[in-house]
Protein backbone atom coordinates (compact mmCIF):
# COMPACT_ATOMS: atom_id res chain seq x y z
CA UNK A 1 22.56 84.57 14.74
CA UNK A 2 20.59 84.87 11.52
CA UNK A 3 17.26 83.16 11.02
CA UNK A 4 17.42 79.84 9.17
CA UNK A 5 14.80 78.09 7.05
CA UNK A 6 14.45 74.58 5.68
CA UNK A 7 14.94 74.09 1.95
CA UNK A 8 14.00 70.92 0.09
CA UNK A 9 16.06 69.84 -2.93
CA UNK A 10 15.91 66.75 -5.11
CA UNK A 11 19.09 64.80 -5.82
CA UNK A 12 19.78 61.49 -7.47
CA UNK A 13 20.16 58.94 -4.67
CA UNK A 14 23.73 58.03 -5.66
CA UNK A 15 24.75 61.69 -5.96
CA UNK A 16 23.41 62.38 -2.46
CA UNK A 17 25.13 59.36 -0.92
CA UNK A 18 28.47 60.08 -2.60
CA UNK A 19 28.28 63.78 -1.74
CA UNK A 20 27.54 62.98 1.90
CA UNK A 21 30.58 60.67 2.03
CA UNK A 22 32.82 63.30 0.44
CA UNK A 23 31.63 66.13 2.66
CA UNK A 24 31.92 63.90 5.74
CA UNK A 25 35.60 63.44 4.86
CA UNK A 26 35.87 67.26 4.90
CA UNK A 27 34.26 67.32 8.34
CA UNK A 28 30.90 68.71 7.25
CA UNK A 29 27.43 67.57 6.28
CA UNK A 30 25.50 68.17 3.07
CA UNK A 31 23.66 71.16 4.57
CA UNK A 32 26.93 72.88 5.44
CA UNK A 33 28.32 72.20 1.96
CA UNK A 34 25.22 73.70 0.32
CA UNK A 35 25.52 76.75 2.59
CA UNK A 36 29.18 77.17 1.62
CA UNK A 37 28.25 76.93 -2.06
CA UNK A 38 25.45 79.50 -1.73
CA UNK A 39 27.60 81.96 0.24
CA UNK A 40 30.48 81.68 -2.23
CA UNK A 41 28.13 82.16 -5.18
CA UNK A 42 26.78 85.31 -3.53
CA UNK A 43 30.32 86.59 -2.87
CA UNK A 44 31.40 86.06 -6.46
CA UNK A 45 28.08 86.93 -8.08
CA UNK A 46 28.24 83.73 -10.13
CA UNK A 47 28.49 79.96 -9.79
CA UNK A 48 31.90 79.54 -8.13
CA UNK A 49 33.25 76.96 -10.56
CA UNK A 50 33.33 76.34 -14.30
CA UNK A 51 30.47 74.35 -15.81
CA UNK A 52 31.25 72.63 -19.08
CA UNK A 53 30.45 69.64 -21.22
CA UNK A 54 33.61 67.56 -21.84
CA UNK A 55 32.27 66.72 -25.31
CA UNK A 56 33.16 70.25 -26.36
CA UNK A 57 36.68 70.21 -24.89
CA UNK A 58 39.51 71.17 -27.23
CA UNK A 59 41.01 67.68 -26.98
CA UNK A 60 37.75 65.92 -27.89
CA UNK A 61 36.94 68.34 -30.71
CA UNK A 62 40.43 67.83 -32.18
CA UNK A 63 39.96 64.06 -32.02
CA UNK A 64 36.58 64.33 -33.73
CA UNK A 65 38.05 66.57 -36.45
CA UNK A 66 40.85 64.05 -37.08
CA UNK A 67 38.35 61.19 -37.28
CA UNK A 68 36.18 63.10 -39.73
CA UNK A 69 39.21 64.00 -41.86
CA UNK A 70 40.37 60.37 -41.85
CA UNK A 71 36.89 59.18 -42.86
CA UNK A 72 36.61 61.77 -45.61
CA UNK A 73 40.05 60.90 -47.00
CA UNK A 74 39.20 57.20 -47.05
CA UNK A 75 41.74 56.23 -44.39
CA UNK A 76 38.94 54.68 -42.37
CA UNK A 77 35.40 53.72 -43.14
CA UNK A 78 32.29 54.52 -41.16
CA UNK A 79 32.05 50.84 -40.31
CA UNK A 80 35.45 51.02 -38.57
CA UNK A 81 34.32 54.08 -36.58
CA UNK A 82 31.39 52.17 -35.14
CA UNK A 83 33.51 49.33 -33.76
């Protein structure tokens, strides 16, 4: 068996608690989940999932463009946008 070491990480309390509940439902603890993540990242040579900001999603950007176009054409006013 390979040698193991302890690693300390900081997590938001709610994130930790919710993650522990989720991983428990999968039959594992947080340590096992972190190990799975690290091993998969090493296998793939990258973070094994997509990281993105939903603000920049195509759907949200299209909505923003429509809102800007409506405001510029006078269909809505800035005051209405802030409601």
